C-alpha atoms as a PDB file:
ATOM      1  CA  MET A   1      28.575 -70.245  84.596  1.00  0.00           C
ATOM      2  CA  PRO A   2      31.205 -71.282  82.018  1.00  0.00           C
ATOM      3  CA  THR A   3      30.724 -74.859  80.962  1.00  0.00           C
ATOM      4  CA  MET A   4      34.595 -75.593  82.167  1.00  0.00           C
ATOM      5  CA  LYS A   5      34.496 -74.097  85.301  1.00  0.00           C
ATOM      6  CA  LYS A   6      31.105 -76.123  86.125  1.00  0.00           C
ATOM      7  CA  LEU A   7      32.293 -79.048  84.961  1.00  0.00           C
ATOM      8  CA  ALA A   8      35.892 -78.602  87.004  1.00  0.00           C
ATOM      9  CA  GLU A   9      34.174 -78.255  89.733  1.00  0.00           C
ATOM     10  CA  THR A  10      31.373 -80.674  89.475  1.00  0.00           C
ATOM     11  CA  SER A  11      32.732 -83.100  87.111  1.00  0.00           C
ATOM     12  CA  TYR A  12      34.616 -86.036  87.366  1.00  0.00           C
ATOM     13  CA  LEU A  13      36.473 -84.820  84.385  1.00  0.00           C
ATOM     14  CA  ASN A  14      39.583 -83.635  86.443  1.00  0.00           C
ATOM     15  CA  SER A  15      43.139 -83.619  85.910  1.00  0.00           C
ATOM     16  CA  ALA A  16      43.570 -87.029  87.494  1.00  0.00           C
ATOM     17  CA  ASN A  17      41.312 -88.523  84.744  1.00  0.00           C
ATOM     18  CA  ALA A  18      42.361 -85.983  81.928  1.00  0.00           C
ATOM     19  CA  PRO A  19      44.659 -89.162  79.918  1.00  0.00           C
ATOM     20  CA  PHE A  20      41.146 -91.047  79.725  1.00  0.00           C
ATOM     21  CA  VAL A  21      39.661 -88.217  78.731  1.00  0.00           C
ATOM     22  CA  GLU A  22      41.996 -87.126  75.975  1.00  0.00           C
ATOM     23  CA  GLU A  23      42.096 -90.857  75.028  1.00  0.00           C
ATOM     24  CA  GLN A  24      38.509 -90.860  74.242  1.00  0.00           C
ATOM     25  CA  TYR A  25      38.576 -86.988  72.981  1.00  0.00           C
ATOM     26  CA  ALA A  26      41.359 -88.846  70.084  1.00  0.00           C
ATOM     27  CA  VAL A  27      38.780 -91.576  69.368  1.00  0.00           C
ATOM     28  CA  PHE A  28      36.382 -89.101  68.838  1.00  0.00           C
ATOM     29  CA  LEU A  29      38.372 -87.405  66.465  1.00  0.00           C
ATOM     30  CA  ASN A  30      39.084 -89.734  64.342  1.00  0.00           C
ATOM     31  CA  ASN A  31      35.655 -91.648  64.328  1.00  0.00           C
ATOM     32  CA  PRO A  32      32.791 -90.132  66.598  1.00  0.00           C
ATOM     33  CA  ALA A  33      31.050 -93.282  66.400  1.00  0.00           C
ATOM     34  CA  ASP A  34      33.764 -95.205  68.237  1.00  0.00           C
ATOM     35  CA  VAL A  35      32.945 -93.276  71.412  1.00  0.00           C
ATOM     36  CA  SER A  36      29.804 -93.496  73.464  1.00  0.00           C
ATOM     37  CA  GLU A  37      27.072 -91.578  73.054  1.00  0.00           C
ATOM     38  CA  ASP A  38      27.563 -89.173  76.127  1.00  0.00           C
ATOM     39  CA  TRP A  39      30.880 -88.579  74.983  1.00  0.00           C
ATOM     40  CA  GLN A  40      29.824 -87.908  71.929  1.00  0.00           C
ATOM     41  CA  ILE A  41      27.210 -85.137  73.162  1.00  0.00           C
ATOM     42  CA  LEU A  42      30.049 -83.679  75.531  1.00  0.00           C
ATOM     43  CA  PHE A  43      32.810 -82.941  72.827  1.00  0.00           C
ATOM     44  CA  ARG A  44      29.965 -81.915  70.337  1.00  0.00           C
ATOM     45  CA  ASN A  45      28.834 -79.530  72.973  1.00  0.00           C
ATOM     46  CA  MET A  46      32.374 -78.178  73.861  1.00  0.00           C
ATOM     47  CA  GLN A  47      32.725 -77.668  70.288  1.00  0.00           C
ATOM     48  CA  ALA A  48      29.792 -76.016  69.883  1.00  0.00           C
ATOM     49  CA  SER A  49      30.488 -73.415  72.779  1.00  0.00           C
ATOM     50  CA  GLY A  50      33.582 -72.684  71.092  1.00  0.00           C
ATOM     51  CA  GLU A  51      35.511 -74.627  74.374  1.00  0.00           C
ATOM     52  CA  LEU A  52      36.773 -77.545  71.963  1.00  0.00           C
ATOM     53  CA  PRO A  53      38.357 -76.179  68.811  1.00  0.00           C
ATOM     54  CA  ALA A  54      36.730 -77.634  65.839  1.00  0.00           C
ATOM     55  CA  GLY A  55      38.853 -79.573  63.134  1.00  0.00           C
ATOM     56  CA  GLU A  56      41.700 -79.940  65.954  1.00  0.00           C
ATOM     57  CA  PRO A  57      44.391 -82.388  65.317  1.00  0.00           C
ATOM     58  CA  ASP A  58      44.405 -85.663  67.150  1.00  0.00           C
ATOM     59  CA  HIS A  59      47.427 -85.074  69.521  1.00  0.00           C
ATOM     60  CA  LYS A  60      47.743 -88.957  70.034  1.00  0.00           C
ATOM     61  CA  SER A  61      49.332 -89.528  67.035  1.00  0.00           C
ATOM     62  CA  ILE A  62      51.442 -85.586  66.757  1.00  0.00           C
ATOM     63  CA  ARG A  63      53.401 -86.854  70.286  1.00  0.00           C
ATOM     64  CA  ASN A  64      53.590 -90.180  68.376  1.00  0.00           C
ATOM     65  CA  GLU A  65      55.627 -88.587  65.168  1.00  0.00           C
ATOM     66  CA  PHE A  66      57.553 -86.488  67.897  1.00  0.00           C
ATOM     67  CA  LYS A  67      58.640 -90.001  69.578  1.00  0.00           C
ATOM     68  CA  ARG A  68      59.478 -91.491  66.250  1.00  0.00           C
ATOM     69  CA  LEU A  69      61.650 -88.183  65.199  1.00  0.00           C
ATOM     70  CA  ALA A  70      63.323 -88.464  68.185  1.00  0.00           C
ATOM     71  CA  ARG A  71      64.325 -92.029  68.436  1.00  0.00           C
ATOM     72  CA  SER A  72      65.104 -91.321  64.447  1.00  0.00           C
ATOM     73  CA  THR A  73      67.681 -88.428  65.269  1.00  0.00           C
ATOM     74  CA  ARG A  74      69.360 -90.180  68.031  1.00  0.00           C
ATOM     75  CA  VAL A  75      72.306 -91.579  66.239  1.00  0.00           C
ATOM     76  CA  HIS A  76      75.240 -88.294  67.053  1.00  0.00           C
ATOM     77  CA  HIS A  77      78.393 -88.011  65.197  1.00  0.00           C
ATOM     78  CA  ARG A  78      80.947 -87.469  67.382  1.00  0.00           C
ATOM     79  CA  PRO A  79      83.229 -85.278  65.297  1.00  0.00           C
ATOM     80  CA  GLN A  80      86.846 -86.443  64.213  1.00  0.00           C
ATOM     81  CA  PRO A  81      89.732 -84.026  64.985  1.00  0.00           C
ATOM     82  CA  HIS A  82      90.129 -83.163  61.212  1.00  0.00           C
ATOM     83  CA  GLU A  83      86.448 -82.394  61.044  1.00  0.00           C
ATOM     84  CA  LEU A  84      86.256 -79.341  63.532  1.00  0.00           C
ATOM     85  CA  GLN A  85      86.508 -75.766  62.109  1.00  0.00           C
ATOM     86  CA  THR A  86      88.609 -73.383  63.848  1.00  0.00           C
ATOM     87  CA  HIS A  87      88.640 -69.792  63.638  1.00  0.00           C
ATOM     88  CA  GLU A  88      92.328 -69.350  62.014  1.00  0.00           C
ATOM     89  CA  PRO A  89      91.863 -70.867  58.269  1.00  0.00           C
ATOM     90  CA  GLN A  90      95.767 -69.211  58.158  1.00  0.00           C
ATOM     91  CA  VAL A  91      97.107 -71.883  59.723  1.00  0.00           C
ATOM     92  CA  GLU A  92      99.658 -73.782  57.744  1.00  0.00           C
ATOM     93  CA  GLU A  93      99.113 -77.768  57.160  1.00  0.00           C
ATOM     94  CA  ALA A  94     102.258 -78.011  59.804  1.00  0.00           C
ATOM     95  CA  GLY A  95     100.745 -76.528  62.598  1.00  0.00           C
ATOM     96  CA  LYS A  96      97.706 -77.814  61.856  1.00  0.00           C
ATOM     97  CA  SER A  97      97.865 -80.905  64.023  1.00  0.00           C
ATOM     98  CA  CYS A  98      98.908 -79.095  67.092  1.00  0.00           C
ATOM     99  CA  LEU A  99      95.814 -76.892  66.613  1.00  0.00           C
ATOM    100  CA  ASP A 100      93.402 -79.770  65.960  1.00  0.00           C
ATOM    101  CA  ALA A 101      95.112 -81.227  69.640  1.00  0.00           C
ATOM    102  CA  ARG A 102      94.359 -78.275  70.920  1.00  0.00           C
ATOM    103  CA  GLN A 103      90.683 -77.984  69.909  1.00  0.00           C
ATOM    104  CA  VAL A 104      90.229 -81.498  70.383  1.00  0.00           C
ATOM    105  CA  ALA A 105      91.971 -80.585  74.383  1.00  0.00           C
ATOM    106  CA  VAL A 106      89.170 -77.570  75.086  1.00  0.00           C
ATOM    107  CA  LEU A 107      86.315 -79.637  74.278  1.00  0.00           C
ATOM    108  CA  GLN A 108      86.986 -82.327  76.411  1.00  0.00           C
ATOM    109  CA  TYR A 109      87.971 -79.790  79.213  1.00  0.00           C
ATOM    110  CA  ILE A 110      84.414 -78.330  78.659  1.00  0.00           C
ATOM    111  CA  ASN A 111      83.176 -82.158  78.751  1.00  0.00           C
ATOM    112  CA  ALA A 112      84.881 -82.305  81.941  1.00  0.00           C
ATOM    113  CA  TYR A 113      82.794 -79.357  83.288  1.00  0.00           C
ATOM    114  CA  ARG A 114      79.914 -80.740  82.280  1.00  0.00           C
ATOM    115  CA  PHE A 115      80.389 -84.068  83.939  1.00  0.00           C
ATOM    116  CA  ARG A 116      82.335 -82.913  86.931  1.00  0.00           C
ATOM    117  CA  GLY A 117      82.153 -79.392  87.927  1.00  0.00           C
ATOM    118  CA  HIS A 118      79.983 -79.548  90.347  1.00  0.00           C
ATOM    119  CA  GLN A 119      82.535 -81.173  92.541  1.00  0.00           C
ATOM    120  CA  HIS A 120      84.354 -77.893  91.914  1.00  0.00           C
ATOM    121  CA  ALA A 121      81.329 -75.809  93.011  1.00  0.00           C
ATOM    122  CA  ASP A 122      81.396 -73.650  96.145  1.00  0.00           C
ATOM    123  CA  ILE A 123      78.611 -75.057  97.366  1.00  0.00           C
ATOM    124  CA  ASP A 124      79.991 -74.826 101.426  1.00  0.00           C
ATOM    125  CA  PRO A 125      79.692 -71.309 103.095  1.00  0.00           C
ATOM    126  CA  LEU A 126      80.740 -72.777 106.352  1.00  0.00           C
ATOM    127  CA  VAL A 127      83.931 -74.379 104.951  1.00  0.00           C
ATOM    128  CA  LEU A 128      83.135 -77.806 106.636  1.00  0.00           C
ATOM    129  CA  ARG A 129      84.794 -79.598 104.211  1.00  0.00           C
ATOM    130  CA  ASP A 130      87.597 -79.258 102.076  1.00  0.00           C
ATOM    131  CA  GLN A 131      87.218 -78.738  98.630  1.00  0.00           C
ATOM    132  CA  GLU A 132      87.973 -81.657  96.657  1.00  0.00           C
ATOM    133  CA  LEU A 133      90.920 -81.104  93.811  1.00  0.00           C
ATOM    134  CA  VAL A 134      89.455 -82.329  90.365  1.00  0.00           C
ATOM    135  CA  PRO A 135      92.880 -81.964  88.391  1.00  0.00           C
ATOM    136  CA  GLU A 136      90.314 -82.601  85.005  1.00  0.00           C
ATOM    137  CA  LEU A 137      89.128 -79.451  85.914  1.00  0.00           C
ATOM    138  CA  HIS A 138      92.640 -77.975  85.505  1.00  0.00           C
ATOM    139  CA  PRO A 139      93.562 -76.335  81.769  1.00  0.00           C
ATOM    140  CA  ALA A 140      96.994 -77.999  82.224  1.00  0.00           C
ATOM    141  CA  PHE A 141      95.393 -81.693  82.531  1.00  0.00           C
ATOM    142  CA  HIS A 142      94.465 -81.347  79.243  1.00  0.00           C
ATOM    143  CA  LYS A 143      97.916 -79.768  78.284  1.00  0.00           C
ATOM    144  CA  LEU A 144      95.919 -76.367  77.860  1.00  0.00           C
ATOM    145  CA  GLY A 145      98.452 -73.625  78.658  1.00  0.00           C
ATOM    146  CA  ASP A 146      98.408 -69.425  79.526  1.00  0.00           C
ATOM    147  CA  GLU A 147      99.014 -68.781  75.655  1.00  0.00           C
ATOM    148  CA  ASP A 148      95.675 -70.556  74.515  1.00  0.00           C
ATOM    149  CA  MET A 149      93.618 -68.397  77.094  1.00  0.00           C
ATOM    150  CA  GLU A 150      93.904 -65.816  74.312  1.00  0.00           C
ATOM    151  CA  SER A 151      93.133 -68.169  71.111  1.00  0.00           C
ATOM    152  CA  VAL A 152      89.534 -68.276  69.948  1.00  0.00           C
ATOM    153  CA  PHE A 153      88.156 -72.323  69.600  1.00  0.00           C
ATOM    154  CA  ASN A 154      84.828 -73.829  68.087  1.00  0.00           C
ATOM    155  CA  THR A 155      82.837 -75.150  71.441  1.00  0.00           C
ATOM    156  CA  GLY A 156      79.995 -76.490  68.578  1.00  0.00           C
ATOM    157  CA  SER A 157      76.813 -75.790  70.012  1.00  0.00           C
ATOM    158  CA  LEU A 158      78.102 -73.909  73.677  1.00  0.00           C
ATOM    159  CA  VAL A 159      77.199 -70.167  73.520  1.00  0.00           C
ATOM    160  CA  GLY A 160      78.738 -67.874  75.584  1.00  0.00           C
END
């Protein structure tokens, strides 16, 4: 019977104890002498049998690095209207501010659906309640007309 299967069936090494075992293994990887002899024997035997790869990196340090990276990239830059690229580069300067305003309106319209779209969703098949009207979910609220429906706008990271 493979060692891991035997451990899973008979051992205290189960999912409830996984964080403790992972911590012991991380300590073992950094300095085997820092864990008890029992843990050293267990981890060495598992490495020798191929159940744990030899030379595996310390997962705790990898997780900490990802946390650090996530915290350092949380500063979001909100683009200003003049920074938005459009798909209509031939527009003259006089019409550019109008295009920028429409671009901002499209992004606000998308954002309205992200935050309030659930209020417009058809989730009452028995029609027990009247559907709530949400003005922000209508293009006219954002001063977008029928002519804008055929225009191409930059939607940032939204694909579709």
